[in-house]
Every structure is written in C-alpha cells, then in structure tokens.
Amino acid sequence: MKEARADAVVSPLAVAGRPSSFADFLSLTKPRLNLLVVATSAAGYYLGAVGRPDLIAMGETVIGTAMVAGGAAALNQVYERDTDALMRRTRMRPLPDGRLSTGEATLFGIALAGAGLAVLAACANLLATILALATLLTYILWYTPLKRRSPAATLVGAVPGALPPLIGWAASRGDLSVGGLALFAIVFLWQIPHFMAIAWLYREDYGRAGFPMLPVIDPDGARAGLQAVIYAVLLILASVIPTLVGLSGLPYLMFAIVSGAMLVWLSIRFAVTRSESSARALFLGSITYLPLLWIAMILAKL
C-alpha cells in the first residue's frame, strides 16, 4: 500500500504538466458523473411542475443538488484515496497523485455540500433539502464504507444515485407522489445493469483494490449477468408507470417498452457471453437509454 502511494505521489503528471488547482478541485466533484445529477434533477423538476415550470427556481434546484453531489463525490475520494492509488483508472486522481492534500479535499467537500444544502433550503423547500441531505449521508456513511465489505454496496449506492430526480420533483411539487417515486425507481433500476457492465470491464482493477464487486467474488460473471437481466426487466415495468399516472402518453409508453426491451436484450447477451464486447455494448446501451427515455418523457409533457 505504501509503495503504491509513494509511486502515485512522484508520478510524472505531478511533477511536470501539473493541472491547475481549479482543475484538481473540479475533478474531485466527478463532473462527468455529476452531469447525470444535473440532468435528472432538472427533469424531475420539469416533470413535477404543474403548468409551466419556474426556470429560475429550477436552475437554483439543479445548482444546489449538483453542489451536494459534488461535495459527496469529493468526500468519497477522501475516504477511498488509498484504494484509488491501486486502481489504474483512478490512480491519477488529485489525492492519490498527491496534487491535493486530504485536508484540502475534506474542507472542499464539506463546504461544497453545505453550500448546496443552503441553496436548496433558501431557494427550494424543506423536503428537497432533506432528500439532498439523505443523498449525502447515504453516499458517504453507508455506500462508501460498505463498498469495501460487500457486493450489496452496488444496490445501496443506487439509492443516492437515484435521489436527484426526486429532489427536483419535491422542489417543484412539494410532495413525494407516485410520479416522483416512479422517476426514482427508473434511475435506481437503471444503475444496476449499467454498473454490472462497468464492474465486469474493470474487474481486475476492483480486485486489485480489494473491492468485493460481483465480478470479483464471482469471476465467472454469472451472478453479475443475472442481476443485469433482472433489473433491466424490472426497469421496463417501472418505465411504464409515468403513463399510468398521467405524466406521459402512448408514444412515450411505446418508446419505453421498445427501448427497455433493447436494454434487456443487451443484458441477456452480456449474461450469456460475459465478454468484454458484450459488457461494453451494455454499457454504451445503458448510457444511451437513460437520456433518451428522459427526453421522451419530457416531450410527452410539452
């Protein structure tokens, strides 16, 4: 462990061509992952609005939610700095690479998350703020430590990952009605086949860091494939709920069923072959599926 940390600190990137401090702090927020937070919280606000949404209030909600998520991501990297140093895809992050100190990252994460909660408390409502706080606490206090202990961490981590659309819905409508819960269920279920593909592609990295992901403790991949299929099937069922509760009409319903069936097919293909190509196809299919489903849902409300 010490050897890996020392190697990270003296990496060429840290010595020459070092990124700016702004870029390092931005990296702590996992900006690519935060795009999902921004998109789903905005969609949740829009879909929850009765009549035309207040675009300024929607922007404030999205900003606050993104700040909380970014702070949680920073604190997650503080906790996982040792294991990040052991994984090829994370060893160049600011903490394992020595470009930021643990104290700097911790203060940044706490300040950013606190500021996000303050924005939501001032500009949204108490329910949205409580949901954002739940996102932060479940991610840091439940998912992050469990990740080193059990493959069940994947399901636990899907909870804070699915809360942003519910935060947007709560900020817009002020309740947790069936429509908002359906949005939560869609993102929750979507994450499992998506992450099973990622875990398979990076199973050696996770094994090196000691994370007991399903593809690590079950190298054959049968359990990961089965979970991908089960949750993809459940996702189809969840995706029809918006139509049943009046959020969308028949065109959306048809799209949800067809696109969901395609994701199920990709999951079955992965479960049968457990190959790099089938896992990559499932990963690409999943990151295409979700934004298109949200777009279809939003268009149905126009």
C-alpha atoms as a PDB file:
ATOM      1  CA  MET A   1       0.000   0.000   0.000  1.00  0.00           C
ATOM      2  CA  LYS A   2       2.778   2.426   0.969  1.00  0.00           C
ATOM      3  CA  GLU A   3       4.671   1.629  -2.209  1.00  0.00           C
ATOM      4  CA  ALA A   4       1.605   2.368  -4.343  1.00  0.00           C
ATOM      5  CA  ARG A   5       1.018   5.678  -2.555  1.00  0.00           C
ATOM      6  CA  ALA A   6       4.633   6.712  -2.937  1.00  0.00           C
ATOM      7  CA  ASP A   7       4.614   5.861  -6.632  1.00  0.00           C
ATOM      8  CA  ALA A   8       1.472   7.964  -7.067  1.00  0.00           C
ATOM      9  CA  VAL A   9       2.993  10.973  -5.350  1.00  0.00           C
ATOM     10  CA  VAL A  10       6.026  11.099  -7.636  1.00  0.00           C
ATOM     11  CA  SER A  11       4.116  10.433 -10.826  1.00  0.00           C
ATOM     12  CA  PRO A  12       5.189  12.390 -13.924  1.00  0.00           C
ATOM     13  CA  LEU A  13       1.872  14.233 -14.001  1.00  0.00           C
ATOM     14  CA  ALA A  14       2.506  15.610 -10.527  1.00  0.00           C
ATOM     15  CA  VAL A  15       5.994  16.802 -11.472  1.00  0.00           C
ATOM     16  CA  ALA A  16       5.527  18.125 -14.994  1.00  0.00           C
ATOM     17  CA  GLY A  17       2.439  19.429 -16.707  1.00  0.00           C
ATOM     18  CA  ARG A  18       0.556  19.527 -13.425  1.00  0.00           C
ATOM     19  CA  PRO A  19      -3.124  20.537 -13.840  1.00  0.00           C
ATOM     20  CA  SER A  20      -4.261  23.761 -12.244  1.00  0.00           C
ATOM     21  CA  SER A  21      -5.678  23.727  -8.735  1.00  0.00           C
ATOM     22  CA  PHE A  22      -9.072  24.635 -10.172  1.00  0.00           C
ATOM     23  CA  ALA A  23      -8.967  21.550 -12.379  1.00  0.00           C
ATOM     24  CA  ASP A  24      -7.972  19.412  -9.404  1.00  0.00           C
ATOM     25  CA  PHE A  25     -10.838  20.649  -7.243  1.00  0.00           C
ATOM     26  CA  LEU A  26     -13.227  20.275 -10.166  1.00  0.00           C
ATOM     27  CA  SER A  27     -12.023  16.697 -10.615  1.00  0.00           C
ATOM     28  CA  LEU A  28     -12.981  15.976  -7.003  1.00  0.00           C
ATOM     29  CA  THR A  29     -16.635  16.616  -7.901  1.00  0.00           C
ATOM     30  CA  LYS A  30     -16.600  13.868 -10.585  1.00  0.00           C
ATOM     31  CA  PRO A  31     -18.061  16.262 -13.202  1.00  0.00           C
ATOM     32  CA  ARG A  32     -18.962  13.573 -15.742  1.00  0.00           C
ATOM     33  CA  LEU A  33     -20.962  11.692 -13.131  1.00  0.00           C
ATOM     34  CA  ASN A  34     -22.483  14.964 -11.972  1.00  0.00           C
ATOM     35  CA  LEU A  35     -23.929  15.502 -15.444  1.00  0.00           C
ATOM     36  CA  LEU A  36     -26.394  12.733 -14.577  1.00  0.00           C
ATOM     37  CA  VAL A  37     -27.304  14.589 -11.378  1.00  0.00           C
ATOM     38  CA  VAL A  38     -27.875  17.829 -13.273  1.00  0.00           C
ATOM     39  CA  ALA A  39     -29.944  16.181 -15.994  1.00  0.00           C
ATOM     40  CA  THR A  40     -32.136  14.037 -13.750  1.00  0.00           C
ATOM     41  CA  SER A  41     -32.780  16.743 -11.156  1.00  0.00           C
ATOM     42  CA  ALA A  42     -33.769  19.173 -13.918  1.00  0.00           C
ATOM     43  CA  ALA A  43     -36.013  16.543 -15.499  1.00  0.00           C
ATOM     44  CA  GLY A  44     -37.577  15.748 -12.133  1.00  0.00           C
ATOM     45  CA  TYR A  45     -38.334  19.436 -11.543  1.00  0.00           C
ATOM     46  CA  TYR A  46     -39.813  19.875 -15.018  1.00  0.00           C
ATOM     47  CA  LEU A  47     -41.965  16.745 -14.832  1.00  0.00           C
ATOM     48  CA  GLY A  48     -43.184  17.607 -11.336  1.00  0.00           C
ATOM     49  CA  ALA A  49     -44.255  21.123 -12.265  1.00  0.00           C
ATOM     50  CA  VAL A  50     -47.948  21.890 -12.573  1.00  0.00           C
ATOM     51  CA  GLY A  51     -48.151  24.059 -15.668  1.00  0.00           C
ATOM     52  CA  ARG A  52     -45.053  25.915 -16.852  1.00  0.00           C
ATOM     53  CA  PRO A  53     -42.036  25.387 -14.583  1.00  0.00           C
ATOM     54  CA  ASP A  54     -40.267  28.328 -12.971  1.00  0.00           C
ATOM     55  CA  LEU A  55     -36.949  28.192 -14.847  1.00  0.00           C
ATOM     56  CA  ILE A  56     -35.089  30.295 -12.286  1.00  0.00           C
ATOM     57  CA  ALA A  57     -36.261  28.101  -9.414  1.00  0.00           C
ATOM     58  CA  MET A  58     -35.414  25.022 -11.464  1.00  0.00           C
ATOM     59  CA  GLY A  59     -31.895  26.332 -12.042  1.00  0.00           C
ATOM     60  CA  GLU A  60     -31.453  27.021  -8.326  1.00  0.00           C
ATOM     61  CA  THR A  61     -32.597  23.497  -7.502  1.00  0.00           C
ATOM     62  CA  VAL A  62     -30.241  21.945 -10.035  1.00  0.00           C
ATOM     63  CA  ILE A  63     -27.296  24.022  -8.809  1.00  0.00           C
ATOM     64  CA  GLY A  64     -27.951  23.144  -5.172  1.00  0.00           C
ATOM     65  CA  THR A  65     -28.354  19.453  -5.951  1.00  0.00           C
ATOM     66  CA  ALA A  66     -25.210  19.391  -8.075  1.00  0.00           C
ATOM     67  CA  MET A  67     -23.229  21.083  -5.302  1.00  0.00           C
ATOM     68  CA  VAL A  68     -24.346  18.494  -2.749  1.00  0.00           C
ATOM     69  CA  ALA A  69     -23.496  15.672  -5.147  1.00  0.00           C
ATOM     70  CA  GLY A  70     -20.121  17.243  -5.917  1.00  0.00           C
ATOM     71  CA  GLY A  71     -19.321  17.568  -2.220  1.00  0.00           C
ATOM     72  CA  ALA A  72     -20.287  13.941  -1.662  1.00  0.00           C
ATOM     73  CA  ALA A  73     -18.012  12.882  -4.521  1.00  0.00           C
ATOM     74  CA  ALA A  74     -15.102  14.813  -3.002  1.00  0.00           C
ATOM     75  CA  LEU A  75     -15.597  13.240   0.434  1.00  0.00           C
ATOM     76  CA  ASN A  76     -15.870   9.818  -1.218  1.00  0.00           C
ATOM     77  CA  GLN A  77     -12.467  10.365  -2.816  1.00  0.00           C
ATOM     78  CA  VAL A  78     -11.006  11.346   0.553  1.00  0.00           C
ATOM     79  CA  TYR A  79     -12.191   8.047   2.025  1.00  0.00           C
ATOM     80  CA  GLU A  80     -11.021   5.989  -0.963  1.00  0.00           C
ATOM     81  CA  ARG A  81      -7.686   7.715  -1.605  1.00  0.00           C
ATOM     82  CA  ASP A  82      -5.683   4.588  -0.690  1.00  0.00           C
ATOM     83  CA  THR A  83      -7.674   2.223  -2.887  1.00  0.00           C
ATOM     84  CA  ASP A  84      -7.791   4.789  -5.693  1.00  0.00           C
ATOM     85  CA  ALA A  85      -3.984   4.671  -5.726  1.00  0.00           C
ATOM     86  CA  LEU A  86      -4.159   0.936  -6.502  1.00  0.00           C
ATOM     87  CA  MET A  87      -6.500   1.187  -9.491  1.00  0.00           C
ATOM     88  CA  ARG A  88      -5.313   2.134 -12.961  1.00  0.00           C
ATOM     89  CA  ARG A  89      -8.378   4.184 -13.799  1.00  0.00           C
ATOM     90  CA  THR A  90      -8.282   6.224 -10.546  1.00  0.00           C
ATOM     91  CA  ARG A  91      -4.620   6.440  -9.540  1.00  0.00           C
ATOM     92  CA  MET A  92      -4.191   9.825 -11.269  1.00  0.00           C
ATOM     93  CA  ARG A  93      -6.947  11.489  -9.255  1.00  0.00           C
ATOM     94  CA  PRO A  94      -5.769  14.533  -7.262  1.00  0.00           C
ATOM     95  CA  LEU A  95      -5.481  12.777  -3.874  1.00  0.00           C
ATOM     96  CA  PRO A  96      -3.602   9.567  -4.780  1.00  0.00           C
ATOM     97  CA  ASP A  97      -1.424  11.559  -7.181  1.00  0.00           C
ATOM     98  CA  GLY A  98      -0.510  13.998  -4.404  1.00  0.00           C
ATOM     99  CA  ARG A  99      -1.779  17.132  -6.134  1.00  0.00           C
ATOM    100  CA  LEU A 100      -4.171  17.938  -3.274  1.00  0.00           C
ATOM    101  CA  SER A 101      -3.916  17.173   0.428  1.00  0.00           C
ATOM    102  CA  THR A 102      -6.504  15.237   2.412  1.00  0.00           C
ATOM    103  CA  GLY A 103      -7.298  18.349   4.441  1.00  0.00           C
ATOM    104  CA  GLU A 104      -7.881  20.470   1.345  1.00  0.00           C
ATOM    105  CA  ALA A 105     -10.194  17.893  -0.210  1.00  0.00           C
ATOM    106  CA  THR A 106     -12.111  17.350   3.035  1.00  0.00           C
ATOM    107  CA  LEU A 107     -12.732  21.044   3.609  1.00  0.00           C
ATOM    108  CA  PHE A 108     -13.717  21.492  -0.028  1.00  0.00           C
ATOM    109  CA  GLY A 109     -16.187  18.591   0.096  1.00  0.00           C
ATOM    110  CA  ILE A 110     -17.815  19.753   3.338  1.00  0.00           C
ATOM    111  CA  ALA A 111     -18.028  23.366   2.166  1.00  0.00           C
ATOM    112  CA  LEU A 112     -19.466  22.473  -1.231  1.00  0.00           C
ATOM    113  CA  ALA A 113     -22.068  20.075   0.160  1.00  0.00           C
ATOM    114  CA  GLY A 114     -23.015  22.547   2.909  1.00  0.00           C
ATOM    115  CA  ALA A 115     -23.394  25.364   0.390  1.00  0.00           C
ATOM    116  CA  GLY A 116     -25.593  23.157  -1.780  1.00  0.00           C
ATOM    117  CA  LEU A 117     -27.863  22.338   1.151  1.00  0.00           C
ATOM    118  CA  ALA A 118     -28.067  26.046   1.966  1.00  0.00           C
ATOM    119  CA  VAL A 119     -29.076  26.855  -1.618  1.00  0.00           C
ATOM    120  CA  LEU A 120     -31.838  24.253  -1.513  1.00  0.00           C
ATOM    121  CA  ALA A 121     -33.042  25.401   1.905  1.00  0.00           C
ATOM    122  CA  ALA A 122     -33.201  29.020   0.740  1.00  0.00           C
ATOM    123  CA  CYS A 123     -34.486  28.548  -2.803  1.00  0.00           C
ATOM    124  CA  ALA A 124     -36.441  25.258  -2.843  1.00  0.00           C
ATOM    125  CA  ASN A 125     -38.185  23.735   0.173  1.00  0.00           C
ATOM    126  CA  LEU A 126     -37.559  21.633   3.269  1.00  0.00           C
ATOM    127  CA  LEU A 127     -38.474  18.340   1.603  1.00  0.00           C
ATOM    128  CA  ALA A 128     -35.962  18.827  -1.227  1.00  0.00           C
ATOM    129  CA  THR A 129     -33.292  19.813   1.305  1.00  0.00           C
ATOM    130  CA  ILE A 130     -33.947  16.716   3.421  1.00  0.00           C
ATOM    131  CA  LEU A 131     -33.716  14.487   0.338  1.00  0.00           C
ATOM    132  CA  ALA A 132     -30.417  16.130  -0.639  1.00  0.00           C
ATOM    133  CA  LEU A 133     -29.083  15.577   2.885  1.00  0.00           C
ATOM    134  CA  ALA A 134     -30.187  11.939   2.636  1.00  0.00           C
ATOM    135  CA  THR A 135     -28.272  11.683  -0.640  1.00  0.00           C
ATOM    136  CA  LEU A 136     -25.116  12.982   1.031  1.00  0.00           C
ATOM    137  CA  LEU A 137     -25.379  10.807   4.135  1.00  0.00           C
ATOM    138  CA  THR A 138     -26.265   7.553   2.397  1.00  0.00           C
ATOM    139  CA  TYR A 139     -23.433   8.038  -0.101  1.00  0.00           C
ATOM    140  CA  ILE A 140     -20.752   8.867   2.466  1.00  0.00           C
ATOM    141  CA  LEU A 141     -21.809   6.972   5.587  1.00  0.00           C
ATOM    142  CA  TRP A 142     -23.448   3.890   4.064  1.00  0.00           C
ATOM    143  CA  TYR A 143     -22.362   3.225   0.491  1.00  0.00           C
ATOM    144  CA  THR A 144     -18.709   4.294   0.696  1.00  0.00           C
ATOM    145  CA  PRO A 145     -17.661   2.107   3.665  1.00  0.00           C
ATOM    146  CA  LEU A 146     -19.852  -0.803   2.523  1.00  0.00           C
ATOM    147  CA  LYS A 147     -18.092  -0.799  -0.853  1.00  0.00           C
ATOM    148  CA  ARG A 148     -15.043  -2.395   0.778  1.00  0.00           C
ATOM    149  CA  ARG A 149     -17.076  -5.068   2.523  1.00  0.00           C
ATOM    150  CA  SER A 150     -19.923  -6.378   0.393  1.00  0.00           C
ATOM    151  CA  PRO A 151     -21.203  -6.566  -3.206  1.00  0.00           C
ATOM    152  CA  ALA A 152     -24.500  -5.278  -1.787  1.00  0.00           C
ATOM    153  CA  ALA A 153     -22.873  -1.833  -1.928  1.00  0.00           C
ATOM    154  CA  THR A 154     -23.970  -1.634  -5.560  1.00  0.00           C
ATOM    155  CA  LEU A 155     -27.641  -1.656  -4.540  1.00  0.00           C
ATOM    156  CA  VAL A 156     -27.015   0.719  -1.651  1.00  0.00           C
ATOM    157  CA  GLY A 157     -25.139   3.136  -3.917  1.00  0.00           C
ATOM    158  CA  ALA A 158     -28.050   3.132  -6.344  1.00  0.00           C
ATOM    159  CA  VAL A 159     -30.183   4.877  -3.694  1.00  0.00           C
ATOM    160  CA  PRO A 160     -28.284   8.207  -3.563  1.00  0.00           C
ATOM    161  CA  GLY A 161     -27.732   7.865  -7.307  1.00  0.00           C
ATOM    162  CA  ALA A 162     -31.499   7.833  -7.854  1.00  0.00           C
ATOM    163  CA  LEU A 163     -32.460  10.628  -5.447  1.00  0.00           C
ATOM    164  CA  PRO A 164     -31.647  13.682  -7.677  1.00  0.00           C
ATOM    165  CA  PRO A 165     -34.814  13.369  -9.833  1.00  0.00           C
ATOM    166  CA  LEU A 166     -36.841  13.012  -6.638  1.00  0.00           C
ATOM    167  CA  ILE A 167     -35.155  16.144  -5.253  1.00  0.00           C
ATOM    168  CA  GLY A 168     -36.179  18.016  -8.393  1.00  0.00           C
ATOM    169  CA  TRP A 169     -39.722  16.670  -8.167  1.00  0.00           C
ATOM    170  CA  ALA A 170     -40.001  17.614  -4.481  1.00  0.00           C
ATOM    171  CA  ALA A 171     -38.677  21.122  -5.138  1.00  0.00           C
ATOM    172  CA  SER A 172     -41.207  21.598  -7.928  1.00  0.00           C
ATOM    173  CA  ARG A 173     -44.309  19.962  -6.484  1.00  0.00           C
ATOM    174  CA  GLY A 174     -43.572  19.796  -2.759  1.00  0.00           C
ATOM    175  CA  ASP A 175     -44.508  16.151  -2.280  1.00  0.00           C
ATOM    176  CA  LEU A 176     -43.395  12.566  -2.931  1.00  0.00           C
ATOM    177  CA  SER A 177     -46.289  11.406  -5.085  1.00  0.00           C
ATOM    178  CA  VAL A 178     -46.267   8.317  -7.285  1.00  0.00           C
ATOM    179  CA  GLY A 179     -44.885  10.194 -10.269  1.00  0.00           C
ATOM    180  CA  GLY A 180     -41.776  11.280  -8.371  1.00  0.00           C
ATOM    181  CA  LEU A 181     -41.265   7.829  -6.901  1.00  0.00           C
ATOM    182  CA  ALA A 182     -41.515   6.369 -10.419  1.00  0.00           C
ATOM    183  CA  LEU A 183     -38.659   8.633 -11.545  1.00  0.00           C
ATOM    184  CA  PHE A 184     -36.618   7.442  -8.566  1.00  0.00           C
ATOM    185  CA  ALA A 185     -37.357   3.799  -9.420  1.00  0.00           C
ATOM    186  CA  ILE A 186     -36.323   4.246 -13.053  1.00  0.00           C
ATOM    187  CA  VAL A 187     -32.903   5.658 -12.184  1.00  0.00           C
ATOM    188  CA  PHE A 188     -32.411   3.166  -9.336  1.00  0.00           C
ATOM    189  CA  LEU A 189     -33.099   0.133 -11.513  1.00  0.00           C
ATOM    190  CA  TRP A 190     -31.147   1.508 -14.492  1.00  0.00           C
ATOM    191  CA  GLN A 191     -27.974   1.754 -12.437  1.00  0.00           C
ATOM    192  CA  ILE A 192     -27.667  -1.994 -11.853  1.00  0.00           C
ATOM    193  CA  PRO A 193     -27.187  -3.274 -15.442  1.00  0.00           C
ATOM    194  CA  HIS A 194     -25.138  -0.129 -16.126  1.00  0.00           C
ATOM    195  CA  PHE A 195     -22.808  -0.785 -13.213  1.00  0.00           C
ATOM    196  CA  MET A 196     -22.606  -4.542 -13.796  1.00  0.00           C
ATOM    197  CA  ALA A 197     -21.131  -3.746 -17.202  1.00  0.00           C
ATOM    198  CA  ILE A 198     -18.627  -1.333 -15.638  1.00  0.00           C
ATOM    199  CA  ALA A 199     -17.707  -3.768 -12.863  1.00  0.00           C
ATOM    200  CA  TRP A 200     -17.036  -6.507 -15.415  1.00  0.00           C
ATOM    201  CA  LEU A 201     -14.892  -4.262 -17.611  1.00  0.00           C
ATOM    202  CA  TYR A 202     -12.826  -3.121 -14.605  1.00  0.00           C
ATOM    203  CA  ARG A 203     -12.965  -6.304 -12.526  1.00  0.00           C
ATOM    204  CA  GLU A 204      -9.174  -6.594 -12.358  1.00  0.00           C
ATOM    205  CA  ASP A 205      -8.899  -3.038 -11.071  1.00  0.00           C
ATOM    206  CA  TYR A 206     -11.563  -3.628  -8.426  1.00  0.00           C
ATOM    207  CA  GLY A 207      -9.902  -6.883  -7.404  1.00  0.00           C
ATOM    208  CA  ARG A 208      -6.523  -5.162  -7.092  1.00  0.00           C
ATOM    209  CA  ALA A 209      -8.052  -2.578  -4.761  1.00  0.00           C
ATOM    210  CA  GLY A 210      -9.867  -5.226  -2.710  1.00  0.00           C
ATOM    211  CA  PHE A 211     -13.419  -4.213  -3.609  1.00  0.00           C
ATOM    212  CA  PRO A 212     -15.693  -7.303  -3.456  1.00  0.00           C
ATOM    213  CA  MET A 213     -17.755  -6.477  -6.533  1.00  0.00           C
ATOM    214  CA  LEU A 214     -19.761  -9.346  -8.021  1.00  0.00           C
ATOM    215  CA  PRO A 215     -17.344  -9.907 -10.937  1.00  0.00           C
ATOM    216  CA  VAL A 216     -14.510 -10.090  -8.374  1.00  0.00           C
ATOM    217  CA  ILE A 217     -16.039 -12.610  -5.955  1.00  0.00           C
ATOM    218  CA  ASP A 218     -17.716 -14.489  -8.828  1.00  0.00           C
ATOM    219  CA  PRO A 219     -15.098 -14.396 -11.622  1.00  0.00           C
ATOM    220  CA  ASP A 220     -17.302 -16.464 -13.922  1.00  0.00           C
ATOM    221  CA  GLY A 221     -19.661 -13.469 -14.148  1.00  0.00           C
ATOM    222  CA  ALA A 222     -22.868 -15.488 -13.907  1.00  0.00           C
ATOM    223  CA  ARG A 223     -24.240 -13.533 -10.940  1.00  0.00           C
ATOM    224  CA  ALA A 224     -23.395 -10.158 -12.473  1.00  0.00           C
ATOM    225  CA  GLY A 225     -25.106 -11.177 -15.714  1.00  0.00           C
ATOM    226  CA  LEU A 226     -28.190 -12.433 -13.892  1.00  0.00           C
ATOM    227  CA  GLN A 227     -28.528  -9.198 -11.924  1.00  0.00           C
ATOM    228  CA  ALA A 228     -28.185  -7.156 -15.098  1.00  0.00           C
ATOM    229  CA  VAL A 229     -31.067  -9.090 -16.694  1.00  0.00           C
ATOM    230  CA  ILE A 230     -33.344  -9.000 -13.636  1.00  0.00           C
ATOM    231  CA  TYR A 231     -33.024  -5.271 -13.100  1.00  0.00           C
ATOM    232  CA  ALA A 232     -33.339  -4.490 -16.810  1.00  0.00           C
ATOM    233  CA  VAL A 233     -36.663  -6.374 -16.842  1.00  0.00           C
ATOM    234  CA  LEU A 234     -37.832  -4.534 -13.711  1.00  0.00           C
ATOM    235  CA  LEU A 235     -36.807  -1.295 -15.393  1.00  0.00           C
ATOM    236  CA  ILE A 236     -39.355  -1.860 -18.169  1.00  0.00           C
ATOM    237  CA  LEU A 237     -42.081  -2.227 -15.548  1.00  0.00           C
ATOM    238  CA  ALA A 238     -41.014   0.961 -13.773  1.00  0.00           C
ATOM    239  CA  SER A 239     -40.762   2.909 -17.028  1.00  0.00           C
ATOM    240  CA  VAL A 240     -44.457   2.403 -17.826  1.00  0.00           C
ATOM    241  CA  ILE A 241     -45.602   3.969 -14.539  1.00  0.00           C
ATOM    242  CA  PRO A 242     -45.335   7.581 -15.816  1.00  0.00           C
ATOM    243  CA  THR A 243     -48.001   6.742 -18.398  1.00  0.00           C
ATOM    244  CA  LEU A 244     -50.195   5.031 -15.821  1.00  0.00           C
ATOM    245  CA  VAL A 245     -50.154   8.109 -13.570  1.00  0.00           C
ATOM    246  CA  GLY A 246     -50.744  10.582 -16.396  1.00  0.00           C
ATOM    247  CA  LEU A 247     -47.239  12.035 -16.796  1.00  0.00           C
ATOM    248  CA  SER A 248     -46.941  10.815 -20.383  1.00  0.00           C
ATOM    249  CA  GLY A 249     -48.994   9.300 -23.160  1.00  0.00           C
ATOM    250  CA  LEU A 250     -48.965   6.390 -25.615  1.00  0.00           C
ATOM    251  CA  PRO A 251     -45.947   7.496 -27.729  1.00  0.00           C
ATOM    252  CA  TYR A 252     -43.759   7.587 -24.622  1.00  0.00           C
ATOM    253  CA  LEU A 253     -45.136   4.229 -23.475  1.00  0.00           C
ATOM    254  CA  MET A 254     -44.256   2.599 -26.787  1.00  0.00           C
ATOM    255  CA  PHE A 255     -40.763   4.092 -26.718  1.00  0.00           C
ATOM    256  CA  ALA A 256     -40.220   2.990 -23.111  1.00  0.00           C
ATOM    257  CA  ILE A 257     -41.189  -0.600 -23.900  1.00  0.00           C
ATOM    258  CA  VAL A 258     -39.122  -0.839 -27.090  1.00  0.00           C
ATOM    259  CA  SER A 259     -36.011   0.811 -25.657  1.00  0.00           C
ATOM    260  CA  GLY A 260     -36.355  -1.182 -22.448  1.00  0.00           C
ATOM    261  CA  ALA A 261     -36.589  -4.407 -24.448  1.00  0.00           C
ATOM    262  CA  MET A 262     -33.366  -3.482 -26.241  1.00  0.00           C
ATOM    263  CA  LEU A 263     -31.632  -2.963 -22.897  1.00  0.00           C
ATOM    264  CA  VAL A 264     -32.925  -6.340 -21.724  1.00  0.00           C
ATOM    265  CA  TRP A 265     -31.513  -7.929 -24.879  1.00  0.00           C
ATOM    266  CA  LEU A 266     -28.112  -6.338 -24.274  1.00  0.00           C
ATOM    267  CA  SER A 267     -28.244  -7.574 -20.674  1.00  0.00           C
ATOM    268  CA  ILE A 268     -29.111 -11.110 -21.787  1.00  0.00           C
ATOM    269  CA  ARG A 269     -26.281 -11.038 -24.306  1.00  0.00           C
ATOM    270  CA  PHE A 270     -23.892  -9.974 -21.563  1.00  0.00           C
ATOM    271  CA  ALA A 271     -25.234 -12.622 -19.181  1.00  0.00           C
ATOM    272  CA  VAL A 272     -24.750 -15.377 -21.789  1.00  0.00           C
ATOM    273  CA  THR A 273     -21.352 -14.422 -23.201  1.00  0.00           C
ATOM    274  CA  ARG A 274     -19.754 -12.450 -20.320  1.00  0.00           C
ATOM    275  CA  SER A 275     -17.301 -10.987 -22.814  1.00  0.00           C
ATOM    276  CA  GLU A 276     -15.594  -7.620 -22.972  1.00  0.00           C
ATOM    277  CA  SER A 277     -17.526  -6.717 -26.111  1.00  0.00           C
ATOM    278  CA  SER A 278     -20.936  -7.608 -24.658  1.00  0.00           C
ATOM    279  CA  ALA A 279     -20.168  -5.691 -21.446  1.00  0.00           C
ATOM    280  CA  ARG A 280     -19.076  -2.661 -23.450  1.00  0.00           C
ATOM    281  CA  ALA A 281     -22.230  -2.885 -25.578  1.00  0.00           C
ATOM    282  CA  LEU A 282     -24.366  -2.987 -22.431  1.00  0.00           C
ATOM    283  CA  PHE A 283     -22.501  -0.007 -21.000  1.00  0.00           C
ATOM    284  CA  LEU A 284     -22.958   2.038 -24.183  1.00  0.00           C
ATOM    285  CA  GLY A 285     -26.574   0.945 -24.498  1.00  0.00           C
ATOM    286  CA  SER A 286     -27.323   1.968 -20.926  1.00  0.00           C
ATOM    287  CA  ILE A 287     -25.804   5.455 -21.255  1.00  0.00           C
ATOM    288  CA  THR A 288     -27.839   5.920 -24.437  1.00  0.00           C
ATOM    289  CA  TYR A 289     -31.078   4.555 -22.990  1.00  0.00           C
ATOM    290  CA  LEU A 290     -31.495   6.837 -19.975  1.00  0.00           C
ATOM    291  CA  PRO A 291     -31.181  10.289 -21.614  1.00  0.00           C
ATOM    292  CA  LEU A 292     -33.415   9.187 -24.489  1.00  0.00           C
ATOM    293  CA  LEU A 293     -36.047   7.968 -22.035  1.00  0.00           C
ATOM    294  CA  TRP A 294     -35.973  11.297 -20.185  1.00  0.00           C
ATOM    295  CA  ILE A 295     -36.227  13.203 -23.449  1.00  0.00           C
ATOM    296  CA  ALA A 296     -39.219  11.098 -24.490  1.00  0.00           C
ATOM    297  CA  MET A 297     -40.878  11.740 -21.141  1.00  0.00           C
ATOM    298  CA  ILE A 298     -40.267  15.487 -21.349  1.00  0.00           C
ATOM    299  CA  LEU A 299     -41.515  15.688 -24.940  1.00  0.00           C
ATOM    300  CA  ALA A 300     -44.669  13.879 -23.860  1.00  0.00           C
ATOM    301  CA  LYS A 301     -45.407  16.724 -21.436  1.00  0.00           C
ATOM    302  CA  LEU A 302     -44.840  19.589 -23.917  1.00  0.00           C
END
